[in-house]
């Protein structure tokens, strides 16, 4: 099951499919009027989408303002997935109603198109999540540790796990790494695992040393097996598993303090403690 479609996260693909469905349904309710310009529901839906995305982002940033204030540039990095869904939906619908206030012929197409688009977005998004949860499991591939041992992610259950797929050459990976490192230090009840994709031990150690990062559970995946098992086609990708090893969420792209905090809320709050480590075995 895919987490991404090429460089695009599946959540974006679902949104674009829902937009296309909304436009197609709206066209069925367009009634041409003599002497009047042709009604183009798609252009209105595109405007509604832009307004909705902007409102969703602003609402999310305001709700998590302290986290964004620590790194103001992260406000414009919308790839962190920080959006308030309800704020976006309401703003987009309100804009559509405003656009149709003086265009009676546009009202029915927008109404039925919006209903079809929102319904398809909810159904497709829910189906995608259910399929990912049923197919993407904790990978059973044996991975190497920096100290020469080996371990399997599937051997670690009993506590929530965040698996970050990354590489040193990936700028978004490097930007989000301090965020994940801080979360690993603060969330002793969650196991954070950093699975490097395709790089050598020396490259990883050099990066960690130069970046002054103290990370636990850094693993080597020289053949990018975990990416293949999870269906990811881009970096960074972060997978969130519950204590029983079931996938509960995914994120493709850079995580900010705020967006990571939202995803970790499903695991509840816990006092700080030493970060859990994966069981390893030495290579003979």
C-alpha atoms as a PDB file:
ATOM      1  CA  UNK A   1       0.000   0.000   0.000  1.00  0.00           C
ATOM      2  CA  UNK A   2       1.445   3.371  -0.986  1.00  0.00           C
ATOM      3  CA  UNK A   3       2.232   6.135   1.489  1.00  0.00           C
ATOM      4  CA  UNK A   4       3.076   8.330  -1.484  1.00  0.00           C
ATOM      5  CA  UNK A   5       2.575   8.469  -5.228  1.00  0.00           C
ATOM      6  CA  UNK A   6       5.978   9.410  -6.568  1.00  0.00           C
ATOM      7  CA  UNK A   7       6.940  12.662  -4.808  1.00  0.00           C
ATOM      8  CA  UNK A   8       3.348  13.385  -3.739  1.00  0.00           C
ATOM      9  CA  UNK A   9       1.797  12.228  -0.453  1.00  0.00           C
ATOM     10  CA  UNK A  10      -1.381  10.208  -0.946  1.00  0.00           C
ATOM     11  CA  UNK A  11      -3.377  12.712   1.124  1.00  0.00           C
ATOM     12  CA  UNK A  12      -2.691  15.330  -1.582  1.00  0.00           C
ATOM     13  CA  UNK A  13      -3.675  12.888  -4.326  1.00  0.00           C
ATOM     14  CA  UNK A  14      -6.970  12.189  -2.534  1.00  0.00           C
ATOM     15  CA  UNK A  15      -7.664  15.926  -2.233  1.00  0.00           C
ATOM     16  CA  UNK A  16      -7.072  16.508  -5.959  1.00  0.00           C
ATOM     17  CA  UNK A  17      -9.301  13.547  -6.894  1.00  0.00           C
ATOM     18  CA  UNK A  18     -12.064  14.967  -4.676  1.00  0.00           C
ATOM     19  CA  UNK A  19     -11.664  18.348  -6.385  1.00  0.00           C
ATOM     20  CA  UNK A  20     -12.046  16.715  -9.795  1.00  0.00           C
ATOM     21  CA  UNK A  21     -15.174  14.873  -8.642  1.00  0.00           C
ATOM     22  CA  UNK A  22     -16.667  18.115  -7.316  1.00  0.00           C
ATOM     23  CA  UNK A  23     -16.084  19.840 -10.647  1.00  0.00           C
ATOM     24  CA  UNK A  24     -17.529  16.936 -12.677  1.00  0.00           C
ATOM     25  CA  UNK A  25     -20.684  16.754 -10.536  1.00  0.00           C
ATOM     26  CA  UNK A  26     -21.131  20.521 -10.652  1.00  0.00           C
ATOM     27  CA  UNK A  27     -21.018  20.481 -14.439  1.00  0.00           C
ATOM     28  CA  UNK A  28     -24.082  18.242 -14.497  1.00  0.00           C
ATOM     29  CA  UNK A  29     -26.118  20.998 -12.840  1.00  0.00           C
ATOM     30  CA  UNK A  30     -24.952  23.865 -15.013  1.00  0.00           C
ATOM     31  CA  UNK A  31     -27.833  25.392 -16.988  1.00  0.00           C
ATOM     32  CA  UNK A  32     -26.621  27.609 -19.858  1.00  0.00           C
ATOM     33  CA  UNK A  33     -28.441  30.941 -19.988  1.00  0.00           C
ATOM     34  CA  UNK A  34     -28.922  32.809 -23.281  1.00  0.00           C
ATOM     35  CA  UNK A  35     -26.731  35.881 -23.492  1.00  0.00           C
ATOM     36  CA  UNK A  36     -24.880  35.013 -20.289  1.00  0.00           C
ATOM     37  CA  UNK A  37     -21.214  33.997 -20.005  1.00  0.00           C
ATOM     38  CA  UNK A  38     -20.572  30.306 -19.493  1.00  0.00           C
ATOM     39  CA  UNK A  39     -20.455  29.160 -15.874  1.00  0.00           C
ATOM     40  CA  UNK A  40     -17.172  27.510 -14.906  1.00  0.00           C
ATOM     41  CA  UNK A  41     -17.549  25.709 -11.568  1.00  0.00           C
ATOM     42  CA  UNK A  42     -13.962  24.404 -11.637  1.00  0.00           C
ATOM     43  CA  UNK A  43     -12.469  27.896 -11.373  1.00  0.00           C
ATOM     44  CA  UNK A  44     -14.708  28.632  -8.391  1.00  0.00           C
ATOM     45  CA  UNK A  45     -13.761  25.354  -6.724  1.00  0.00           C
ATOM     46  CA  UNK A  46     -10.083  26.149  -7.235  1.00  0.00           C
ATOM     47  CA  UNK A  47     -10.591  29.512  -5.558  1.00  0.00           C
ATOM     48  CA  UNK A  48     -12.509  27.839  -2.723  1.00  0.00           C
ATOM     49  CA  UNK A  49      -9.659  25.365  -2.301  1.00  0.00           C
ATOM     50  CA  UNK A  50      -7.060  28.134  -2.127  1.00  0.00           C
ATOM     51  CA  UNK A  51      -9.088  30.083   0.428  1.00  0.00           C
ATOM     52  CA  UNK A  52      -9.704  26.924   2.440  1.00  0.00           C
ATOM     53  CA  UNK A  53      -6.036  25.932   2.488  1.00  0.00           C
ATOM     54  CA  UNK A  54      -4.997  29.426   3.571  1.00  0.00           C
ATOM     55  CA  UNK A  55      -7.614  29.553   6.329  1.00  0.00           C
ATOM     56  CA  UNK A  56      -6.726  26.041   7.503  1.00  0.00           C
ATOM     57  CA  UNK A  57      -3.064  26.973   7.726  1.00  0.00           C
ATOM     58  CA  UNK A  58      -3.678  30.249   9.540  1.00  0.00           C
ATOM     59  CA  UNK A  59      -6.007  28.598  12.056  1.00  0.00           C
ATOM     60  CA  UNK A  60      -3.476  25.850  12.753  1.00  0.00           C
ATOM     61  CA  UNK A  61      -0.585  28.303  13.165  1.00  0.00           C
ATOM     62  CA  UNK A  62      -2.608  30.431  15.573  1.00  0.00           C
ATOM     63  CA  UNK A  63      -3.587  27.355  17.593  1.00  0.00           C
ATOM     64  CA  UNK A  64       0.067  26.297  17.861  1.00  0.00           C
ATOM     65  CA  UNK A  65       1.629  29.725  17.869  1.00  0.00           C
ATOM     66  CA  UNK A  66       4.223  29.082  20.637  1.00  0.00           C
ATOM     67  CA  UNK A  67       5.690  26.166  18.659  1.00  0.00           C
ATOM     68  CA  UNK A  68       5.875  28.167  15.437  1.00  0.00           C
ATOM     69  CA  UNK A  69       7.266  31.220  17.211  1.00  0.00           C
ATOM     70  CA  UNK A  70      10.389  29.224  18.068  1.00  0.00           C
ATOM     71  CA  UNK A  71      11.010  28.768  14.314  1.00  0.00           C
ATOM     72  CA  UNK A  72       9.044  31.413  12.338  1.00  0.00           C
ATOM     73  CA  UNK A  73      10.225  30.089   8.966  1.00  0.00           C
ATOM     74  CA  UNK A  74       8.378  26.855   9.651  1.00  0.00           C
ATOM     75  CA  UNK A  75       5.121  28.803   9.187  1.00  0.00           C
ATOM     76  CA  UNK A  76       5.632  28.881   5.422  1.00  0.00           C
ATOM     77  CA  UNK A  77       6.759  25.248   5.184  1.00  0.00           C
ATOM     78  CA  UNK A  78       3.298  23.879   4.581  1.00  0.00           C
ATOM     79  CA  UNK A  79       4.705  20.424   3.904  1.00  0.00           C
ATOM     80  CA  UNK A  80       4.592  19.819   7.668  1.00  0.00           C
ATOM     81  CA  UNK A  81       0.887  19.071   7.252  1.00  0.00           C
ATOM     82  CA  UNK A  82      -0.213  21.649   9.810  1.00  0.00           C
ATOM     83  CA  UNK A  83      -3.794  22.475   8.796  1.00  0.00           C
ATOM     84  CA  UNK A  84      -7.044  22.888  10.684  1.00  0.00           C
ATOM     85  CA  UNK A  85      -9.454  20.833   8.586  1.00  0.00           C
ATOM     86  CA  UNK A  86     -12.691  22.303   9.927  1.00  0.00           C
ATOM     87  CA  UNK A  87     -11.460  25.880   9.571  1.00  0.00           C
ATOM     88  CA  UNK A  88     -10.486  25.185   5.968  1.00  0.00           C
ATOM     89  CA  UNK A  89     -13.779  23.517   5.062  1.00  0.00           C
ATOM     90  CA  UNK A  90     -15.882  26.276   6.603  1.00  0.00           C
ATOM     91  CA  UNK A  91     -13.808  29.038   4.991  1.00  0.00           C
ATOM     92  CA  UNK A  92     -13.961  27.383   1.563  1.00  0.00           C
ATOM     93  CA  UNK A  93     -17.743  26.916   1.764  1.00  0.00           C
ATOM     94  CA  UNK A  94     -18.227  30.476   2.974  1.00  0.00           C
ATOM     95  CA  UNK A  95     -16.197  31.799   0.063  1.00  0.00           C
ATOM     96  CA  UNK A  96     -18.249  29.706  -2.371  1.00  0.00           C
ATOM     97  CA  UNK A  97     -21.481  31.088  -0.924  1.00  0.00           C
ATOM     98  CA  UNK A  98     -20.121  34.616  -1.220  1.00  0.00           C
ATOM     99  CA  UNK A  99     -19.077  34.011  -4.841  1.00  0.00           C
ATOM    100  CA  UNK A 100     -22.577  32.725  -5.705  1.00  0.00           C
ATOM    101  CA  UNK A 101     -24.455  35.545  -3.940  1.00  0.00           C
ATOM    102  CA  UNK A 102     -25.105  37.420  -7.194  1.00  0.00           C
ATOM    103  CA  UNK A 103     -25.002  34.409  -9.513  1.00  0.00           C
ATOM    104  CA  UNK A 104     -28.139  32.294  -9.052  1.00  0.00           C
ATOM    105  CA  UNK A 105     -27.142  29.956 -11.891  1.00  0.00           C
ATOM    106  CA  UNK A 106     -23.978  29.045  -9.964  1.00  0.00           C
ATOM    107  CA  UNK A 107     -25.686  28.075  -6.717  1.00  0.00           C
ATOM    108  CA  UNK A 108     -26.973  24.606  -7.579  1.00  0.00           C
ATOM    109  CA  UNK A 109     -23.737  23.497  -9.290  1.00  0.00           C
ATOM    110  CA  UNK A 110     -21.673  24.698  -6.332  1.00  0.00           C
ATOM    111  CA  UNK A 111     -24.001  23.131  -3.772  1.00  0.00           C
ATOM    112  CA  UNK A 112     -24.107  19.662  -5.301  1.00  0.00           C
ATOM    113  CA  UNK A 113     -20.477  19.789  -6.400  1.00  0.00           C
ATOM    114  CA  UNK A 114     -19.347  20.740  -2.892  1.00  0.00           C
ATOM    115  CA  UNK A 115     -21.402  17.930  -1.342  1.00  0.00           C
ATOM    116  CA  UNK A 116     -19.938  15.387  -3.787  1.00  0.00           C
ATOM    117  CA  UNK A 117     -16.397  16.681  -3.310  1.00  0.00           C
ATOM    118  CA  UNK A 118     -16.514  16.661   0.485  1.00  0.00           C
ATOM    119  CA  UNK A 119     -18.159  13.234   0.585  1.00  0.00           C
ATOM    120  CA  UNK A 120     -15.614  11.709  -1.787  1.00  0.00           C
ATOM    121  CA  UNK A 121     -12.751  13.332   0.136  1.00  0.00           C
ATOM    122  CA  UNK A 122     -13.995  11.834   3.407  1.00  0.00           C
ATOM    123  CA  UNK A 123     -14.666   8.388   1.924  1.00  0.00           C
ATOM    124  CA  UNK A 124     -11.420   8.159  -0.043  1.00  0.00           C
ATOM    125  CA  UNK A 125      -9.367   9.505   2.854  1.00  0.00           C
ATOM    126  CA  UNK A 126     -10.926   7.069   5.285  1.00  0.00           C
ATOM    127  CA  UNK A 127     -10.488   4.149   2.900  1.00  0.00           C
ATOM    128  CA  UNK A 128      -6.858   5.081   2.303  1.00  0.00           C
ATOM    129  CA  UNK A 129      -6.127   5.190   6.028  1.00  0.00           C
ATOM    130  CA  UNK A 130      -7.839   1.851   6.629  1.00  0.00           C
ATOM    131  CA  UNK A 131      -5.926   0.203   3.791  1.00  0.00           C
ATOM    132  CA  UNK A 132      -2.622   1.611   5.015  1.00  0.00           C
ATOM    133  CA  UNK A 133      -3.330   0.415   8.532  1.00  0.00           C
ATOM    134  CA  UNK A 134      -4.165  -3.082   7.305  1.00  0.00           C
ATOM    135  CA  UNK A 135      -1.185  -3.398   4.937  1.00  0.00           C
ATOM    136  CA  UNK A 136       1.705  -1.391   6.406  1.00  0.00           C
ATOM    137  CA  UNK A 137       3.147  -3.259   9.362  1.00  0.00           C
ATOM    138  CA  UNK A 138       6.325  -2.882  11.385  1.00  0.00           C
ATOM    139  CA  UNK A 139       8.993  -4.019   8.914  1.00  0.00           C
ATOM    140  CA  UNK A 140      10.617  -7.378   9.646  1.00  0.00           C
ATOM    141  CA  UNK A 141      13.837  -6.543   7.771  1.00  0.00           C
ATOM    142  CA  UNK A 142      16.993  -6.968   9.834  1.00  0.00           C
ATOM    143  CA  UNK A 143      18.746  -3.609  10.174  1.00  0.00           C
ATOM    144  CA  UNK A 144      22.224  -2.687  11.386  1.00  0.00           C
ATOM    145  CA  UNK A 145      23.033  -0.428  14.305  1.00  0.00           C
ATOM    146  CA  UNK A 146      25.868   2.089  14.416  1.00  0.00           C
ATOM    147  CA  UNK A 147      27.778  -0.047  16.895  1.00  0.00           C
ATOM    148  CA  UNK A 148      27.799  -3.096  14.626  1.00  0.00           C
ATOM    149  CA  UNK A 149      24.795  -4.953  16.026  1.00  0.00           C
ATOM    150  CA  UNK A 150      21.513  -5.799  14.337  1.00  0.00           C
ATOM    151  CA  UNK A 151      17.835  -5.512  15.188  1.00  0.00           C
ATOM    152  CA  UNK A 152      14.336  -5.733  13.742  1.00  0.00           C
ATOM    153  CA  UNK A 153      11.621  -3.134  14.158  1.00  0.00           C
ATOM    154  CA  UNK A 154       9.034  -5.894  14.307  1.00  0.00           C
ATOM    155  CA  UNK A 155      10.706  -7.213  17.458  1.00  0.00           C
ATOM    156  CA  UNK A 156       9.844  -4.041  19.355  1.00  0.00           C
ATOM    157  CA  UNK A 157       6.257  -3.877  20.584  1.00  0.00           C
ATOM    158  CA  UNK A 158       4.640  -2.823  23.827  1.00  0.00           C
ATOM    159  CA  UNK A 159       5.068   0.914  23.338  1.00  0.00           C
ATOM    160  CA  UNK A 160       4.230   3.395  20.579  1.00  0.00           C
ATOM    161  CA  UNK A 161       6.901   3.791  17.917  1.00  0.00           C
ATOM    162  CA  UNK A 162       7.800   6.607  15.519  1.00  0.00           C
ATOM    163  CA  UNK A 163       9.885   5.415  12.564  1.00  0.00           C
ATOM    164  CA  UNK A 164      11.626   8.184  10.630  1.00  0.00           C
ATOM    165  CA  UNK A 165      13.068   7.377   7.189  1.00  0.00           C
ATOM    166  CA  UNK A 166      15.812   9.847   6.331  1.00  0.00           C
ATOM    167  CA  UNK A 167      19.146  10.535   4.649  1.00  0.00           C
ATOM    168  CA  UNK A 168      21.897  13.073   5.261  1.00  0.00           C
ATOM    169  CA  UNK A 169      21.625  14.462   1.704  1.00  0.00           C
ATOM    170  CA  UNK A 170      17.928  15.335   2.215  1.00  0.00           C
ATOM    171  CA  UNK A 171      17.457  19.013   3.287  1.00  0.00           C
ATOM    172  CA  UNK A 172      13.973  18.515   4.836  1.00  0.00           C
ATOM    173  CA  UNK A 173      15.350  15.524   6.768  1.00  0.00           C
ATOM    174  CA  UNK A 174      18.136  17.662   8.195  1.00  0.00           C
ATOM    175  CA  UNK A 175      15.751  20.485   9.113  1.00  0.00           C
ATOM    176  CA  UNK A 176      13.326  18.225  10.956  1.00  0.00           C
ATOM    177  CA  UNK A 177      15.960  16.162  12.772  1.00  0.00           C
ATOM    178  CA  UNK A 178      16.331  18.569  15.743  1.00  0.00           C
ATOM    179  CA  UNK A 179      12.533  18.470  16.148  1.00  0.00           C
ATOM    180  CA  UNK A 180      12.549  14.681  16.317  1.00  0.00           C
ATOM    181  CA  UNK A 181      15.616  14.657  18.573  1.00  0.00           C
ATOM    182  CA  UNK A 182      13.863  16.974  21.034  1.00  0.00           C
ATOM    183  CA  UNK A 183      10.729  14.800  20.963  1.00  0.00           C
ATOM    184  CA  UNK A 184      12.823  11.688  21.603  1.00  0.00           C
ATOM    185  CA  UNK A 185      14.326  13.361  24.642  1.00  0.00           C
ATOM    186  CA  UNK A 186      10.965  14.524  25.994  1.00  0.00           C
ATOM    187  CA  UNK A 187       8.740  11.544  25.175  1.00  0.00           C
ATOM    188  CA  UNK A 188      10.213   8.662  27.103  1.00  0.00           C
ATOM    189  CA  UNK A 189       7.026   6.665  26.548  1.00  0.00           C
ATOM    190  CA  UNK A 190       7.481   6.616  22.756  1.00  0.00           C
ATOM    191  CA  UNK A 191      10.259   4.816  20.881  1.00  0.00           C
ATOM    192  CA  UNK A 192      11.799   6.975  18.149  1.00  0.00           C
ATOM    193  CA  UNK A 193      13.771   5.112  15.488  1.00  0.00           C
ATOM    194  CA  UNK A 194      15.822   6.828  12.788  1.00  0.00           C
ATOM    195  CA  UNK A 195      16.251   4.482   9.822  1.00  0.00           C
ATOM    196  CA  UNK A 196      18.819   5.892   7.406  1.00  0.00           C
ATOM    197  CA  UNK A 197      18.207   5.021   3.768  1.00  0.00           C
ATOM    198  CA  UNK A 198      21.171   3.852   1.728  1.00  0.00           C
ATOM    199  CA  UNK A 199      24.121   5.560   3.407  1.00  0.00           C
ATOM    200  CA  UNK A 200      27.227   4.290   5.128  1.00  0.00           C
ATOM    201  CA  UNK A 201      28.012   4.272   8.833  1.00  0.00           C
ATOM    202  CA  UNK A 202      30.759   6.872   8.386  1.00  0.00           C
ATOM    203  CA  UNK A 203      28.425   9.283   6.551  1.00  0.00           C
ATOM    204  CA  UNK A 204      25.845   8.998   9.320  1.00  0.00           C
ATOM    205  CA  UNK A 205      28.372   9.420  12.129  1.00  0.00           C
ATOM    206  CA  UNK A 206      29.908  12.471  10.418  1.00  0.00           C
ATOM    207  CA  UNK A 207      26.498  14.092  10.058  1.00  0.00           C
ATOM    208  CA  UNK A 208      25.496  13.438  13.670  1.00  0.00           C
ATOM    209  CA  UNK A 209      28.812  14.784  14.927  1.00  0.00           C
ATOM    210  CA  UNK A 210      28.731  17.924  12.762  1.00  0.00           C
ATOM    211  CA  UNK A 211      25.086  18.579  13.698  1.00  0.00           C
ATOM    212  CA  UNK A 212      25.706  17.989  17.422  1.00  0.00           C
ATOM    213  CA  UNK A 213      22.810  15.539  17.562  1.00  0.00           C
ATOM    214  CA  UNK A 214      22.540  12.922  20.276  1.00  0.00           C
ATOM    215  CA  UNK A 215      20.140  10.306  18.928  1.00  0.00           C
ATOM    216  CA  UNK A 216      19.200   6.863  20.139  1.00  0.00           C
ATOM    217  CA  UNK A 217      18.094   4.069  17.812  1.00  0.00           C
ATOM    218  CA  UNK A 218      19.888   5.137  14.631  1.00  0.00           C
ATOM    219  CA  UNK A 219      19.732   2.229  12.182  1.00  0.00           C
ATOM    220  CA  UNK A 220      21.216   1.546   8.760  1.00  0.00           C
ATOM    221  CA  UNK A 221      19.047   0.367   5.874  1.00  0.00           C
ATOM    222  CA  UNK A 222      21.556   0.152   2.983  1.00  0.00           C
ATOM    223  CA  UNK A 223      19.058  -1.173   0.427  1.00  0.00           C
ATOM    224  CA  UNK A 224      16.128   1.080   1.466  1.00  0.00           C
ATOM    225  CA  UNK A 225      14.107  -2.011   2.339  1.00  0.00           C
ATOM    226  CA  UNK A 226      11.903  -0.169   4.836  1.00  0.00           C
ATOM    227  CA  UNK A 227      10.927   2.394   2.190  1.00  0.00           C
ATOM    228  CA  UNK A 228       9.914  -0.421  -0.129  1.00  0.00           C
ATOM    229  CA  UNK A 229       7.928  -2.237   2.554  1.00  0.00           C
ATOM    230  CA  UNK A 230       6.071   0.923   3.572  1.00  0.00           C
ATOM    231  CA  UNK A 231       5.396   2.075   0.018  1.00  0.00           C
ATOM    232  CA  UNK A 232       7.135   5.412   0.463  1.00  0.00           C
ATOM    233  CA  UNK A 233       8.715   7.083  -2.559  1.00  0.00           C
ATOM    234  CA  UNK A 234      10.157  10.176  -0.908  1.00  0.00           C
ATOM    235  CA  UNK A 235      12.124  11.422   2.085  1.00  0.00           C
ATOM    236  CA  UNK A 236      11.566  12.206   4.822  1.00  0.00           C
ATOM    237  CA  UNK A 237       8.750   9.805   5.633  1.00  0.00           C
ATOM    238  CA  UNK A 238       7.588   9.217   9.192  1.00  0.00           C
ATOM    239  CA  UNK A 239       5.450   6.267  10.275  1.00  0.00           C
ATOM    240  CA  UNK A 240       3.533   6.174  13.552  1.00  0.00           C
ATOM    241  CA  UNK A 241       2.749   2.777  15.120  1.00  0.00           C
ATOM    242  CA  UNK A 242       0.779   2.011  18.265  1.00  0.00           C
ATOM    243  CA  UNK A 243       1.983  -0.250  21.056  1.00  0.00           C
ATOM    244  CA  UNK A 244       0.696  -3.323  19.190  1.00  0.00           C
ATOM    245  CA  UNK A 245       2.645  -2.492  16.043  1.00  0.00           C
ATOM    246  CA  UNK A 246      -0.361  -1.216  14.063  1.00  0.00           C
ATOM    247  CA  UNK A 247       0.078   1.768  11.786  1.00  0.00           C
ATOM    248  CA  UNK A 248      -1.964   4.723  13.059  1.00  0.00           C
ATOM    249  CA  UNK A 249      -0.609   7.613  10.979  1.00  0.00           C
ATOM    250  CA  UNK A 250       1.888   8.543   8.274  1.00  0.00           C
ATOM    251  CA  UNK A 251       3.569  11.731   7.190  1.00  0.00           C
ATOM    252  CA  UNK A 252       5.605  12.391   4.077  1.00  0.00           C
ATOM    253  CA  UNK A 253       7.653  15.575   4.233  1.00  0.00           C
ATOM    254  CA  UNK A 254       9.170  17.733   6.924  1.00  0.00           C
ATOM    255  CA  UNK A 255       7.656  17.741  10.409  1.00  0.00           C
ATOM    256  CA  UNK A 256       7.545  20.898  12.519  1.00  0.00           C
ATOM    257  CA  UNK A 257       7.286  21.097  16.298  1.00  0.00           C
ATOM    258  CA  UNK A 258       3.559  21.752  16.000  1.00  0.00           C
ATOM    259  CA  UNK A 259       2.690  19.068  13.448  1.00  0.00           C
ATOM    260  CA  UNK A 260       4.684  16.431  15.344  1.00  0.00           C
ATOM    261  CA  UNK A 261       3.011  17.442  18.616  1.00  0.00           C
ATOM    262  CA  UNK A 262      -0.423  16.947  17.018  1.00  0.00           C
ATOM    263  CA  UNK A 263       0.463  13.453  15.819  1.00  0.00           C
ATOM    264  CA  UNK A 264       1.947  12.477  19.190  1.00  0.00           C
ATOM    265  CA  UNK A 265      -1.220  13.526  21.019  1.00  0.00           C
ATOM    266  CA  UNK A 266      -2.844  10.219  20.022  1.00  0.00           C
ATOM    267  CA  UNK A 267      -0.280   8.531  22.276  1.00  0.00           C
ATOM    268  CA  UNK A 268      -1.283  10.685  25.249  1.00  0.00           C
ATOM    269  CA  UNK A 269       0.976  12.657  27.552  1.00  0.00           C
ATOM    270  CA  UNK A 270       3.755  11.147  29.609  1.00  0.00           C
ATOM    271  CA  UNK A 271       6.486  12.423  31.934  1.00  0.00           C
ATOM    272  CA  UNK A 272       9.989  12.689  30.550  1.00  0.00           C
ATOM    273  CA  UNK A 273      12.229   9.675  30.968  1.00  0.00           C
ATOM    274  CA  UNK A 274      15.123   7.991  29.236  1.00  0.00           C
ATOM    275  CA  UNK A 275      14.205   7.176  25.618  1.00  0.00           C
ATOM    276  CA  UNK A 276      13.477   3.496  24.989  1.00  0.00           C
ATOM    277  CA  UNK A 277      16.018   1.615  22.911  1.00  0.00           C
ATOM    278  CA  UNK A 278      15.580  -1.237  20.507  1.00  0.00           C
ATOM    279  CA  UNK A 279      16.781  -4.731  21.410  1.00  0.00           C
ATOM    280  CA  UNK A 280      19.960  -5.525  19.489  1.00  0.00           C
ATOM    281  CA  UNK A 281      22.272  -8.424  18.952  1.00  0.00           C
ATOM    282  CA  UNK A 282      25.943  -8.265  18.175  1.00  0.00           C
ATOM    283  CA  UNK A 283      27.197  -9.405  14.808  1.00  0.00           C
ATOM    284  CA  UNK A 284      29.599 -12.327  15.346  1.00  0.00           C
END
